[in-house]
PDB file of N, CA and C in Angstrom:
ATOM      1  N   UNK A   1     -17.492  18.734 -18.798  1.00  0.00           N
ATOM      2  CA  UNK A   1     -16.212  19.080 -18.195  1.00  0.00           C
ATOM      3  C   UNK A   1     -15.327  19.713 -19.261  1.00  0.00           C
ATOM      4  N   UNK A   2     -14.774  20.863 -18.931  1.00  0.00           N
ATOM      5  CA  UNK A   2     -13.827  21.533 -19.820  1.00  0.00           C
ATOM      6  C   UNK A   2     -12.444  21.467 -19.185  1.00  0.00           C
ATOM      7  N   UNK A   3     -11.443  21.358 -20.019  1.00  0.00           N
ATOM      8  CA  UNK A   3     -10.055  21.299 -19.552  1.00  0.00           C
ATOM      9  C   UNK A   3      -9.269  22.379 -20.278  1.00  0.00           C
ATOM     10  N   UNK A   4      -8.584  23.208 -19.497  1.00  0.00           N
ATOM     11  CA  UNK A   4      -7.712  24.237 -20.048  1.00  0.00           C
ATOM     12  C   UNK A   4      -6.275  23.844 -19.758  1.00  0.00           C
ATOM     13  N   UNK A   5      -5.422  23.970 -20.755  1.00  0.00           N
ATOM     14  CA  UNK A   5      -3.991  23.719 -20.594  1.00  0.00           C
ATOM     15  C   UNK A   5      -3.262  24.993 -20.992  1.00  0.00           C
ATOM     16  N   UNK A   6      -2.410  25.479 -20.092  1.00  0.00           N
ATOM     17  CA  UNK A   6      -1.691  26.727 -20.324  1.00  0.00           C
ATOM     18  C   UNK A   6      -0.195  26.437 -20.366  1.00  0.00           C
ATOM     19  N   UNK A   7       0.447  26.801 -21.471  1.00  0.00           N
ATOM     20  CA  UNK A   7       1.902  26.739 -21.555  1.00  0.00           C
ATOM     21  C   UNK A   7       2.389  28.110 -21.119  1.00  0.00           C
ATOM     22  N   UNK A   8       2.826  28.199 -19.888  1.00  0.00           N
ATOM     23  CA  UNK A   8       3.111  29.444 -19.174  1.00  0.00           C
ATOM     24  C   UNK A   8       4.562  29.811 -19.385  1.00  0.00           C
ATOM     25  N   UNK A   9       4.841  30.636 -20.360  1.00  0.00           N
ATOM     26  CA  UNK A   9       6.209  30.980 -20.714  1.00  0.00           C
ATOM     27  C   UNK A   9       6.895  31.783 -19.623  1.00  0.00           C
ATOM     28  N   UNK A  10       8.172  31.512 -19.428  1.00  0.00           N
ATOM     29  CA  UNK A  10       8.972  32.291 -18.495  1.00  0.00           C
ATOM     30  C   UNK A  10       9.622  33.491 -19.165  1.00  0.00           C
ATOM     31  N   UNK A  11       9.381  33.641 -20.437  1.00  0.00           N
ATOM     32  CA  UNK A  11      10.001  34.731 -21.189  1.00  0.00           C
ATOM     33  C   UNK A  11       9.399  36.076 -20.784  1.00  0.00           C
ATOM     34  N   UNK A  12      10.209  37.093 -20.769  1.00  0.00           N
ATOM     35  CA  UNK A  12       9.707  38.424 -20.440  1.00  0.00           C
ATOM     36  C   UNK A  12       9.800  39.317 -21.675  1.00  0.00           C
ATOM     37  N   UNK A  13       9.219  40.480 -21.574  1.00  0.00           N
ATOM     38  CA  UNK A  13       9.306  41.445 -22.664  1.00  0.00           C
ATOM     39  C   UNK A  13       8.252  41.224 -23.731  1.00  0.00           C
ATOM     40  N   UNK A  14       8.523  41.797 -24.886  1.00  0.00           N
ATOM     41  CA  UNK A  14       7.548  41.803 -25.983  1.00  0.00           C
ATOM     42  C   UNK A  14       7.206  40.401 -26.487  1.00  0.00           C
ATOM     43  N   UNK A  15       8.141  39.459 -26.362  1.00  0.00           N
ATOM     44  CA  UNK A  15       7.900  38.096 -26.862  1.00  0.00           C
ATOM     45  C   UNK A  15       6.914  37.304 -26.015  1.00  0.00           C
ATOM     46  N   UNK A  16       6.653  37.740 -24.799  1.00  0.00           N
ATOM     47  CA  UNK A  16       5.831  36.940 -23.889  1.00  0.00           C
ATOM     48  C   UNK A  16       4.474  36.596 -24.511  1.00  0.00           C
ATOM     49  N   UNK A  17       3.808  37.563 -25.125  1.00  0.00           N
ATOM     50  CA  UNK A  17       2.490  37.296 -25.733  1.00  0.00           C
ATOM     51  C   UNK A  17       2.578  36.193 -26.788  1.00  0.00           C
ATOM     52  N   UNK A  18       3.700  36.161 -27.498  1.00  0.00           N
ATOM     53  CA  UNK A  18       3.855  35.173 -28.568  1.00  0.00           C
ATOM     54  C   UNK A  18       4.127  33.779 -28.030  1.00  0.00           C
ATOM     55  N   UNK A  19       4.624  33.684 -26.785  1.00  0.00           N
ATOM     56  CA  UNK A  19       5.068  32.387 -26.284  1.00  0.00           C
ATOM     57  C   UNK A  19       4.128  31.764 -25.259  1.00  0.00           C
ATOM     58  N   UNK A  20       3.087  32.468 -24.835  1.00  0.00           N
ATOM     59  CA  UNK A  20       2.120  31.904 -23.909  1.00  0.00           C
ATOM     60  C   UNK A  20       0.958  31.329 -24.729  1.00  0.00           C
ATOM     61  N   UNK A  21       0.704  30.043 -24.557  1.00  0.00           N
ATOM     62  CA  UNK A  21      -0.339  29.358 -25.319  1.00  0.00           C
ATOM     63  C   UNK A  21      -1.418  28.838 -24.383  1.00  0.00           C
ATOM     64  N   UNK A  22      -2.648  28.788 -24.880  1.00  0.00           N
ATOM     65  CA  UNK A  22      -3.752  28.232 -24.113  1.00  0.00           C
ATOM     66  C   UNK A  22      -4.564  27.310 -25.025  1.00  0.00           C
ATOM     67  N   UNK A  23      -4.886  26.142 -24.495  1.00  0.00           N
ATOM     68  CA  UNK A  23      -5.749  25.201 -25.207  1.00  0.00           C
ATOM     69  C   UNK A  23      -6.955  24.897 -24.328  1.00  0.00           C
ATOM     70  N   UNK A  24      -8.095  24.693 -24.970  1.00  0.00           N
ATOM     71  CA  UNK A  24      -9.301  24.281 -24.252  1.00  0.00           C
ATOM     72  C   UNK A  24      -9.869  23.053 -24.956  1.00  0.00           C
ATOM     73  N   UNK A  25     -10.213  22.058 -24.154  1.00  0.00           N
ATOM     74  CA  UNK A  25     -10.852  20.856 -24.685  1.00  0.00           C
ATOM     75  C   UNK A  25     -12.182  20.658 -23.959  1.00  0.00           C
ATOM     76  N   UNK A  26     -13.167  20.210 -24.703  1.00  0.00           N
ATOM     77  CA  UNK A  26     -14.470  19.891 -24.129  1.00  0.00           C
ATOM     78  C   UNK A  26     -14.986  18.650 -24.848  1.00  0.00           C
ATOM     79  N   UNK A  27     -15.551  17.757 -24.083  1.00  0.00           N
ATOM     80  CA  UNK A  27     -16.075  16.505 -24.663  1.00  0.00           C
ATOM     81  C   UNK A  27     -15.031  15.795 -25.518  1.00  0.00           C
ATOM     82  N   UNK A  28     -13.802  15.806 -25.036  1.00  0.00           N
ATOM     83  CA  UNK A  28     -12.683  15.123 -25.689  1.00  0.00           C
ATOM     84  C   UNK A  28     -12.305  15.707 -27.046  1.00  0.00           C
ATOM     85  N   UNK A  29     -12.692  16.952 -27.275  1.00  0.00           N
ATOM     86  CA  UNK A  29     -12.370  17.634 -28.527  1.00  0.00           C
ATOM     87  C   UNK A  29     -11.649  18.943 -28.222  1.00  0.00           C
ATOM     88  N   UNK A  30     -10.643  19.258 -29.022  1.00  0.00           N
ATOM     89  CA  UNK A  30      -9.974  20.548 -28.903  1.00  0.00           C
ATOM     90  C   UNK A  30     -10.912  21.613 -29.455  1.00  0.00           C
ATOM     91  N   UNK A  31     -11.276  22.575 -28.618  1.00  0.00           N
ATOM     92  CA  UNK A  31     -12.201  23.614 -29.071  1.00  0.00           C
ATOM     93  C   UNK A  31     -11.539  24.987 -29.161  1.00  0.00           C
ATOM     94  N   UNK A  32     -10.341  25.115 -28.588  1.00  0.00           N
ATOM     95  CA  UNK A  32      -9.646  26.402 -28.655  1.00  0.00           C
ATOM     96  C   UNK A  32      -8.152  26.159 -28.520  1.00  0.00           C
ATOM     97  N   UNK A  33      -7.383  26.840 -29.349  1.00  0.00           N
ATOM     98  CA  UNK A  33      -5.929  26.855 -29.246  1.00  0.00           C
ATOM     99  C   UNK A  33      -5.499  28.250 -29.664  1.00  0.00           C
ATOM    100  N   UNK A  34      -4.930  29.000 -28.711  1.00  0.00           N
ATOM    101  CA  UNK A  34      -4.597  30.380 -29.032  1.00  0.00           C
ATOM    102  C   UNK A  34      -3.364  30.853 -28.282  1.00  0.00           C
ATOM    103  N   UNK A  35      -2.792  31.913 -28.811  1.00  0.00           N
ATOM    104  CA  UNK A  35      -1.673  32.594 -28.190  1.00  0.00           C
ATOM    105  C   UNK A  35      -1.945  34.086 -28.301  1.00  0.00           C
ATOM    106  N   UNK A  36      -1.095  34.888 -27.653  1.00  0.00           N
ATOM    107  CA  UNK A  36      -1.216  36.322 -27.833  1.00  0.00           C
ATOM    108  C   UNK A  36      -1.718  37.083 -26.625  1.00  0.00           C
ATOM    109  N   UNK A  37      -2.003  36.393 -25.534  1.00  0.00           N
ATOM    110  CA  UNK A  37      -2.442  37.066 -24.319  1.00  0.00           C
ATOM    111  C   UNK A  37      -1.278  37.172 -23.333  1.00  0.00           C
ATOM    112  N   UNK A  38      -1.369  38.153 -22.449  1.00  0.00           N
ATOM    113  CA  UNK A  38      -0.413  38.253 -21.359  1.00  0.00           C
ATOM    114  C   UNK A  38      -0.833  37.279 -20.263  1.00  0.00           C
ATOM    115  N   UNK A  39       0.015  37.106 -19.262  1.00  0.00           N
ATOM    116  CA  UNK A  39      -0.355  36.269 -18.118  1.00  0.00           C
ATOM    117  C   UNK A  39      -1.590  36.829 -17.431  1.00  0.00           C
ATOM    118  N   UNK A  40      -1.614  38.145 -17.241  1.00  0.00           N
ATOM    119  CA  UNK A  40      -2.750  38.774 -16.564  1.00  0.00           C
ATOM    120  C   UNK A  40      -4.039  38.563 -17.352  1.00  0.00           C
ATOM    121  N   UNK A  41      -3.986  38.727 -18.664  1.00  0.00           N
ATOM    122  CA  UNK A  41      -5.169  38.506 -19.502  1.00  0.00           C
ATOM    123  C   UNK A  41      -5.612  37.055 -19.437  1.00  0.00           C
ATOM    124  N   UNK A  42      -4.654  36.141 -19.409  1.00  0.00           N
ATOM    125  CA  UNK A  42      -4.983  34.713 -19.334  1.00  0.00           C
ATOM    126  C   UNK A  42      -5.668  34.382 -18.015  1.00  0.00           C
ATOM    127  N   UNK A  43      -5.143  34.905 -16.902  1.00  0.00           N
ATOM    128  CA  UNK A  43      -5.764  34.660 -15.599  1.00  0.00           C
ATOM    129  C   UNK A  43      -7.175  35.232 -15.567  1.00  0.00           C
ATOM    130  N   UNK A  44      -7.371  36.440 -16.070  1.00  0.00           N
ATOM    131  CA  UNK A  44      -8.712  37.045 -16.109  1.00  0.00           C
ATOM    132  C   UNK A  44      -9.661  36.199 -16.946  1.00  0.00           C
ATOM    133  N   UNK A  45      -9.174  35.698 -18.078  1.00  0.00           N
ATOM    134  CA  UNK A  45     -10.004  34.849 -18.931  1.00  0.00           C
ATOM    135  C   UNK A  45     -10.404  33.576 -18.192  1.00  0.00           C
ATOM    136  N   UNK A  46      -9.462  32.954 -17.507  1.00  0.00           N
ATOM    137  CA  UNK A  46      -9.765  31.712 -16.790  1.00  0.00           C
ATOM    138  C   UNK A  46     -10.763  31.946 -15.653  1.00  0.00           C
ATOM    139  N   UNK A  47     -10.623  33.054 -14.953  1.00  0.00           N
ATOM    140  CA  UNK A  47     -11.579  33.383 -13.892  1.00  0.00           C
ATOM    141  C   UNK A  47     -12.965  33.607 -14.487  1.00  0.00           C
ATOM    142  N   UNK A  48     -13.020  34.316 -15.610  1.00  0.00           N
ATOM    143  CA  UNK A  48     -14.310  34.538 -16.280  1.00  0.00           C
ATOM    144  C   UNK A  48     -14.920  33.218 -16.742  1.00  0.00           C
ATOM    145  N   UNK A  49     -14.092  32.321 -17.256  1.00  0.00           N
ATOM    146  CA  UNK A  49     -14.585  31.004 -17.680  1.00  0.00           C
ATOM    147  C   UNK A  49     -15.123  30.225 -16.486  1.00  0.00           C
ATOM    148  N   UNK A  50     -14.435  30.289 -15.359  1.00  0.00           N
ATOM    149  CA  UNK A  50     -14.898  29.592 -14.150  1.00  0.00           C
ATOM    150  C   UNK A  50     -16.192  30.202 -13.636  1.00  0.00           C
ATOM    151  N   UNK A  51     -16.327  31.527 -13.739  1.00  0.00           N
ATOM    152  CA  UNK A  51     -17.579  32.175 -13.342  1.00  0.00           C
ATOM    153  C   UNK A  51     -18.728  31.741 -14.237  1.00  0.00           C
ATOM    154  N   UNK A  52     -18.438  31.581 -15.523  1.00  0.00           N
ATOM    155  CA  UNK A  52     -19.470  31.175 -16.495  1.00  0.00           C
ATOM    156  C   UNK A  52     -19.911  29.736 -16.261  1.00  0.00           C
ATOM    157  N   UNK A  53     -18.933  28.859 -16.006  1.00  0.00           N
ATOM    158  CA  UNK A  53     -19.227  27.443 -15.781  1.00  0.00           C
ATOM    159  C   UNK A  53     -18.050  26.856 -15.002  1.00  0.00           C
ATOM    160  N   UNK A  54     -18.281  26.542 -13.746  1.00  0.00           N
ATOM    161  CA  UNK A  54     -17.178  26.098 -12.880  1.00  0.00           C
ATOM    162  C   UNK A  54     -16.780  24.638 -13.082  1.00  0.00           C
ATOM    163  N   UNK A  55     -17.408  23.939 -13.979  1.00  0.00           N
ATOM    164  CA  UNK A  55     -17.062  22.550 -14.245  1.00  0.00           C
ATOM    165  C   UNK A  55     -15.862  22.504 -15.187  1.00  0.00           C
ATOM    166  N   UNK A  56     -14.689  22.845 -14.642  1.00  0.00           N
ATOM    167  CA  UNK A  56     -13.480  22.883 -15.461  1.00  0.00           C
ATOM    168  C   UNK A  56     -12.257  22.515 -14.639  1.00  0.00           C
ATOM    169  N   UNK A  57     -11.231  22.143 -15.359  1.00  0.00           N
ATOM    170  CA  UNK A  57      -9.920  21.857 -14.779  1.00  0.00           C
ATOM    171  C   UNK A  57      -8.920  22.720 -15.539  1.00  0.00           C
ATOM    172  N   UNK A  58      -7.974  23.306 -14.818  1.00  0.00           N
ATOM    173  CA  UNK A  58      -6.932  24.122 -15.451  1.00  0.00           C
ATOM    174  C   UNK A  58      -5.584  23.542 -15.063  1.00  0.00           C
ATOM    175  N   UNK A  59      -4.741  23.328 -16.061  1.00  0.00           N
ATOM    176  CA  UNK A  59      -3.382  22.854 -15.820  1.00  0.00           C
ATOM    177  C   UNK A  59      -2.384  23.821 -16.423  1.00  0.00           C
ATOM    178  N   UNK A  60      -1.308  24.086 -15.679  1.00  0.00           N
ATOM    179  CA  UNK A  60      -0.254  24.975 -16.149  1.00  0.00           C
ATOM    180  C   UNK A  60       1.014  24.172 -16.372  1.00  0.00           C
ATOM    181  N   UNK A  61       1.670  24.421 -17.486  1.00  0.00           N
ATOM    182  CA  UNK A  61       2.936  23.772 -17.806  1.00  0.00           C
ATOM    183  C   UNK A  61       4.050  24.798 -17.616  1.00  0.00           C
ATOM    184  N   UNK A  62       4.703  24.734 -16.467  1.00  0.00           N
ATOM    185  CA  UNK A  62       5.881  25.560 -16.243  1.00  0.00           C
ATOM    186  C   UNK A  62       6.786  24.856 -15.259  1.00  0.00           C
ATOM    187  N   UNK A  63       8.054  25.062 -15.457  1.00  0.00           N
ATOM    188  CA  UNK A  63       9.029  24.472 -14.548  1.00  0.00           C
ATOM    189  C   UNK A  63       9.169  25.385 -13.341  1.00  0.00           C
ATOM    190  N   UNK A  64       9.356  24.796 -12.177  1.00  0.00           N
ATOM    191  CA  UNK A  64       9.540  25.613 -10.993  1.00  0.00           C
ATOM    192  C   UNK A  64      10.925  26.237 -11.024  1.00  0.00           C
ATOM    193  N   UNK A  65      10.961  27.520 -10.909  1.00  0.00           N
ATOM    194  CA  UNK A  65      12.213  28.246 -10.803  1.00  0.00           C
ATOM    195  C   UNK A  65      11.905  29.618 -10.244  1.00  0.00           C
ATOM    196  N   UNK A  66      12.919  30.296  -9.849  1.00  0.00           N
ATOM    197  CA  UNK A  66      12.798  31.670  -9.380  1.00  0.00           C
ATOM    198  C   UNK A  66      13.730  32.526 -10.211  1.00  0.00           C
ATOM    199  N   UNK A  67      13.434  33.811 -10.311  1.00  0.00           N
ATOM    200  CA  UNK A  67      14.322  34.685 -11.077  1.00  0.00           C
ATOM    201  C   UNK A  67      15.737  34.687 -10.492  1.00  0.00           C
ATOM    202  N   UNK A  68      16.698  34.812 -11.365  1.00  0.00           N
ATOM    203  CA  UNK A  68      18.105  34.809 -10.953  1.00  0.00           C
ATOM    204  C   UNK A  68      18.372  35.875  -9.906  1.00  0.00           C
ATOM    205  N   UNK A  69      17.789  37.076 -10.066  1.00  0.00           N
ATOM    206  CA  UNK A  69      18.020  38.158  -9.100  1.00  0.00           C
ATOM    207  C   UNK A  69      17.507  37.783  -7.717  1.00  0.00           C
ATOM    208  N   UNK A  70      16.388  37.062  -7.666  1.00  0.00           N
ATOM    209  CA  UNK A  70      15.818  36.660  -6.375  1.00  0.00           C
ATOM    210  C   UNK A  70      16.770  35.713  -5.650  1.00  0.00           C
ATOM    211  N   UNK A  71      17.255  34.740  -6.374  1.00  0.00           N
ATOM    212  CA  UNK A  71      18.173  33.768  -5.773  1.00  0.00           C
ATOM    213  C   UNK A  71      19.495  34.428  -5.377  1.00  0.00           C
ATOM    214  N   UNK A  72      19.968  35.339  -6.213  1.00  0.00           N
ATOM    215  CA  UNK A  72      21.219  36.038  -5.902  1.00  0.00           C
ATOM    216  C   UNK A  72      21.061  36.930  -4.659  1.00  0.00           C
ATOM    217  N   UNK A  73      19.968  37.703  -4.602  1.00  0.00           N
ATOM    218  CA  UNK A  73      19.764  38.643  -3.497  1.00  0.00           C
ATOM    219  C   UNK A  73      19.451  37.954  -2.175  1.00  0.00           C
ATOM    220  N   UNK A  74      18.691  36.875  -2.230  1.00  0.00           N
ATOM    221  CA  UNK A  74      18.259  36.234  -0.977  1.00  0.00           C
ATOM    222  C   UNK A  74      19.086  35.010  -0.625  1.00  0.00           C
ATOM    223  N   UNK A  75      19.685  34.385  -1.603  1.00  0.00           N
ATOM    224  CA  UNK A  75      20.584  33.244  -1.434  1.00  0.00           C
ATOM    225  C   UNK A  75      20.069  32.195  -0.443  1.00  0.00           C
ATOM    226  N   UNK A  76      18.843  31.699  -0.623  1.00  0.00           N
ATOM    227  CA  UNK A  76      18.385  30.664   0.300  1.00  0.00           C
ATOM    228  C   UNK A  76      19.085  29.338   0.021  1.00  0.00           C
ATOM    229  N   UNK A  77      19.270  28.550   1.061  1.00  0.00           N
ATOM    230  CA  UNK A  77      19.768  27.193   0.861  1.00  0.00           C
ATOM    231  C   UNK A  77      18.644  26.395   0.208  1.00  0.00           C
ATOM    232  N   UNK A  78      18.948  25.267  -0.426  1.00  0.00           N
ATOM    233  CA  UNK A  78      17.864  24.464  -1.004  1.00  0.00           C
ATOM    234  C   UNK A  78      16.805  24.094   0.039  1.00  0.00           C
ATOM    235  N   UNK A  79      17.203  23.704   1.216  1.00  0.00           N
ATOM    236  CA  UNK A  79      16.241  23.334   2.268  1.00  0.00           C
ATOM    237  C   UNK A  79      15.376  24.539   2.648  1.00  0.00           C
ATOM    238  N   UNK A  80      15.991  25.721   2.796  1.00  0.00           N
ATOM    239  CA  UNK A  80      15.240  26.927   3.147  1.00  0.00           C
ATOM    240  C   UNK A  80      14.293  27.328   2.017  1.00  0.00           C
ATOM    241  N   UNK A  81      14.747  27.184   0.770  1.00  0.00           N
ATOM    242  CA  UNK A  81      13.892  27.520  -0.367  1.00  0.00           C
ATOM    243  C   UNK A  81      12.642  26.650  -0.383  1.00  0.00           C
ATOM    244  N   UNK A  82      12.786  25.333  -0.223  1.00  0.00           N
ATOM    245  CA  UNK A  82      11.618  24.450  -0.241  1.00  0.00           C
ATOM    246  C   UNK A  82      10.723  24.689   0.970  1.00  0.00           C
ATOM    247  N   UNK A  83      11.300  25.079   2.099  1.00  0.00           N
ATOM    248  CA  UNK A  83      10.471  25.441   3.257  1.00  0.00           C
ATOM    249  C   UNK A  83       9.646  26.683   2.945  1.00  0.00           C
ATOM    250  N   UNK A  84      10.239  27.663   2.248  1.00  0.00           N
ATOM    251  CA  UNK A  84       9.495  28.860   1.865  1.00  0.00           C
ATOM    252  C   UNK A  84       8.380  28.513   0.886  1.00  0.00           C
ATOM    253  N   UNK A  85       8.641  27.601  -0.043  1.00  0.00           N
ATOM    254  CA  UNK A  85       7.599  27.165  -0.975  1.00  0.00           C
ATOM    255  C   UNK A  85       6.461  26.501  -0.199  1.00  0.00           C
ATOM    256  N   UNK A  86       6.807  25.599   0.711  1.00  0.00           N
ATOM    257  CA  UNK A  86       5.789  24.887   1.491  1.00  0.00           C
ATOM    258  C   UNK A  86       4.963  25.840   2.338  1.00  0.00           C
ATOM    259  N   UNK A  87       5.582  26.894   2.827  1.00  0.00           N
ATOM    260  CA  UNK A  87       4.887  27.864   3.676  1.00  0.00           C
ATOM    261  C   UNK A  87       4.294  29.021   2.891  1.00  0.00           C
ATOM    262  N   UNK A  88       4.404  28.969   1.555  1.00  0.00           N
ATOM    263  CA  UNK A  88       3.903  30.037   0.692  1.00  0.00           C
ATOM    264  C   UNK A  88       4.471  31.375   1.133  1.00  0.00           C
ATOM    265  N   UNK A  89       5.749  31.423   1.384  1.00  0.00           N
ATOM    266  CA  UNK A  89       6.365  32.611   1.950  1.00  0.00           C
ATOM    267  C   UNK A  89       7.505  33.162   1.092  1.00  0.00           C
ATOM    268  N   UNK A  90       7.457  32.948  -0.207  1.00  0.00           N
ATOM    269  CA  UNK A  90       8.519  33.484  -1.056  1.00  0.00           C
ATOM    270  C   UNK A  90       8.445  35.004  -1.132  1.00  0.00           C
ATOM    271  N   UNK A  91       7.240  35.549  -1.118  1.00  0.00           N
ATOM    272  CA  UNK A  91       7.037  36.996  -1.122  1.00  0.00           C
ATOM    273  C   UNK A  91       5.874  37.307  -0.197  1.00  0.00           C
ATOM    274  N   UNK A  92       5.758  38.542   0.254  1.00  0.00           N
ATOM    275  CA  UNK A  92       4.619  38.898   1.113  1.00  0.00           C
ATOM    276  C   UNK A  92       3.271  38.706   0.427  1.00  0.00           C
ATOM    277  N   UNK A  93       3.230  38.835  -0.897  1.00  0.00           N
ATOM    278  CA  UNK A  93       1.967  38.700  -1.626  1.00  0.00           C
ATOM    279  C   UNK A  93       1.621  37.257  -1.956  1.00  0.00           C
ATOM    280  N   UNK A  94       2.520  36.326  -1.662  1.00  0.00           N
ATOM    281  CA  UNK A  94       2.317  34.953  -2.112  1.00  0.00           C
ATOM    282  C   UNK A  94       1.362  34.203  -1.205  1.00  0.00           C
ATOM    283  N   UNK A  95       0.130  34.151  -1.638  1.00  0.00           N
ATOM    284  CA  UNK A  95      -0.863  33.319  -0.959  1.00  0.00           C
ATOM    285  C   UNK A  95      -1.838  32.844  -2.022  1.00  0.00           C
ATOM    286  N   UNK A  96      -1.289  32.324  -3.114  1.00  0.00           N
ATOM    287  CA  UNK A  96      -2.081  31.922  -4.280  1.00  0.00           C
ATOM    288  C   UNK A  96      -3.231  30.986  -3.932  1.00  0.00           C
ATOM    289  N   UNK A  97      -3.028  29.913  -3.152  1.00  0.00           N
ATOM    290  CA  UNK A  97      -4.173  29.043  -2.873  1.00  0.00           C
ATOM    291  C   UNK A  97      -5.324  29.779  -2.196  1.00  0.00           C
ATOM    292  N   UNK A  98      -5.035  30.631  -1.244  1.00  0.00           N
ATOM    293  CA  UNK A  98      -6.127  31.337  -0.581  1.00  0.00           C
ATOM    294  C   UNK A  98      -6.745  32.377  -1.500  1.00  0.00           C
ATOM    295  N   UNK A  99      -5.961  32.987  -2.381  1.00  0.00           N
ATOM    296  CA  UNK A  99      -6.518  33.940  -3.346  1.00  0.00           C
ATOM    297  C   UNK A  99      -7.457  33.240  -4.307  1.00  0.00           C
ATOM    298  N   UNK A 100      -7.031  32.110  -4.838  1.00  0.00           N
ATOM    299  CA  UNK A 100      -7.883  31.352  -5.759  1.00  0.00           C
ATOM    300  C   UNK A 100      -9.144  30.896  -5.040  1.00  0.00           C
ATOM    301  N   UNK A 101      -8.997  30.439  -3.811  1.00  0.00           N
ATOM    302  CA  UNK A 101     -10.162  29.988  -3.049  1.00  0.00           C
ATOM    303  C   UNK A 101     -11.149  31.129  -2.844  1.00  0.00           C
ATOM    304  N   UNK A 102     -10.647  32.315  -2.556  1.00  0.00           N
ATOM    305  CA  UNK A 102     -11.539  33.455  -2.374  1.00  0.00           C
ATOM    306  C   UNK A 102     -12.261  33.801  -3.662  1.00  0.00           C
ATOM    307  N   UNK A 103     -11.557  33.720  -4.793  1.00  0.00           N
ATOM    308  CA  UNK A 103     -12.174  34.045  -6.075  1.00  0.00           C
ATOM    309  C   UNK A 103     -13.189  33.002  -6.506  1.00  0.00           C
ATOM    310  N   UNK A 104     -12.929  31.744  -6.164  1.00  0.00           N
ATOM    311  CA  UNK A 104     -13.777  30.658  -6.659  1.00  0.00           C
ATOM    312  C   UNK A 104     -14.730  30.093  -5.628  1.00  0.00           C
ATOM    313  N   UNK A 105     -14.524  30.449  -4.335  1.00  0.00           N
ATOM    314  CA  UNK A 105     -15.359  29.881  -3.284  1.00  0.00           C
ATOM    315  C   UNK A 105     -14.962  28.465  -2.923  1.00  0.00           C
ATOM    316  N   UNK A 106     -13.767  28.067  -3.293  1.00  0.00           N
ATOM    317  CA  UNK A 106     -13.299  26.705  -3.020  1.00  0.00           C
ATOM    318  C   UNK A 106     -13.078  26.503  -1.528  1.00  0.00           C
ATOM    319  N   UNK A 107     -12.986  25.256  -1.155  1.00  0.00           N
ATOM    320  CA  UNK A 107     -12.693  24.890   0.217  1.00  0.00           C
ATOM    321  C   UNK A 107     -11.256  24.406   0.280  1.00  0.00           C
ATOM    322  N   UNK A 108     -10.516  24.905   1.259  1.00  0.00           N
ATOM    323  CA  UNK A 108      -9.114  24.526   1.409  1.00  0.00           C
ATOM    324  C   UNK A 108      -8.954  23.528   2.540  1.00  0.00           C
ATOM    325  N   UNK A 109      -7.962  22.670   2.443  1.00  0.00           N
ATOM    326  CA  UNK A 109      -7.634  21.737   3.507  1.00  0.00           C
ATOM    327  C   UNK A 109      -6.638  22.408   4.436  1.00  0.00           C
ATOM    328  N   UNK A 110      -6.976  22.491   5.709  1.00  0.00           N
ATOM    329  CA  UNK A 110      -6.074  23.052   6.717  1.00  0.00           C
ATOM    330  C   UNK A 110      -5.135  21.922   7.137  1.00  0.00           C
ATOM    331  N   UNK A 111      -3.893  21.979   6.659  1.00  0.00           N
ATOM    332  CA  UNK A 111      -2.948  20.883   6.883  1.00  0.00           C
ATOM    333  C   UNK A 111      -2.573  20.722   8.352  1.00  0.00           C
ATOM    334  N   UNK A 112      -2.646  21.795   9.130  1.00  0.00           N
ATOM    335  CA  UNK A 112      -2.291  21.699  10.542  1.00  0.00           C
ATOM    336  C   UNK A 112      -3.343  20.953  11.343  1.00  0.00           C
ATOM    337  N   UNK A 113      -4.612  21.198  11.041  1.00  0.00           N
ATOM    338  CA  UNK A 113      -5.661  20.564  11.839  1.00  0.00           C
ATOM    339  C   UNK A 113      -6.343  19.429  11.087  1.00  0.00           C
ATOM    340  N   UNK A 114      -5.975  19.222   9.804  1.00  0.00           N
ATOM    341  CA  UNK A 114      -6.570  18.175   8.980  1.00  0.00           C
ATOM    342  C   UNK A 114      -8.081  18.370   8.821  1.00  0.00           C
ATOM    343  N   UNK A 115      -8.518  19.609   8.821  1.00  0.00           N
ATOM    344  CA  UNK A 115      -9.932  19.904   8.593  1.00  0.00           C
ATOM    345  C   UNK A 115     -10.073  20.814   7.410  1.00  0.00           C
ATOM    346  N   UNK A 116     -11.238  20.807   6.820  1.00  0.00           N
ATOM    347  CA  UNK A 116     -11.504  21.665   5.673  1.00  0.00           C
ATOM    348  C   UNK A 116     -12.124  22.963   6.174  1.00  0.00           C
ATOM    349  N   UNK A 117     -11.647  24.060   5.581  1.00  0.00           N
ATOM    350  CA  UNK A 117     -12.180  25.355   5.973  1.00  0.00           C
ATOM    351  C   UNK A 117     -12.617  26.101   4.732  1.00  0.00           C
ATOM    352  N   UNK A 118     -13.784  26.708   4.787  1.00  0.00           N
ATOM    353  CA  UNK A 118     -14.269  27.518   3.679  1.00  0.00           C
ATOM    354  C   UNK A 118     -13.481  28.803   3.655  1.00  0.00           C
ATOM    355  N   UNK A 119     -13.251  29.323   2.472  1.00  0.00           N
ATOM    356  CA  UNK A 119     -12.404  30.491   2.337  1.00  0.00           C
ATOM    357  C   UNK A 119     -13.204  31.796   2.350  1.00  0.00           C
ATOM    358  N   UNK A 120     -14.490  31.742   2.228  1.00  0.00           N
ATOM    359  CA  UNK A 120     -15.281  32.973   2.170  1.00  0.00           C
ATOM    360  C   UNK A 120     -15.613  33.496   3.519  1.00  0.00           C
TER     361      UNK A 120
END
């Protein structure tokens, strides 16, 4: 079992590469600690690692927040914001669980019917 921990910086611009960190542990030993990748490069690396050996867990360390412009432009109430999060409806492209399931072949739980559905 391999475990990846990602410190997912909210910083933008040139500093982002310097502030995003990734650690990998295997057999209770730290085997990798690195910085210098973009978010996109990190996601591609994690997908490649899962393709190589799917016996892994990935954890991301980031606080939930939205960009100031998003909150200013859309001005959702707290209740409406959490409903959008629950419905994965913050943006038209937001369907992360189904995207990950398609990439990995995972099975998702259909909360409405309480049944598991394959994503492929």
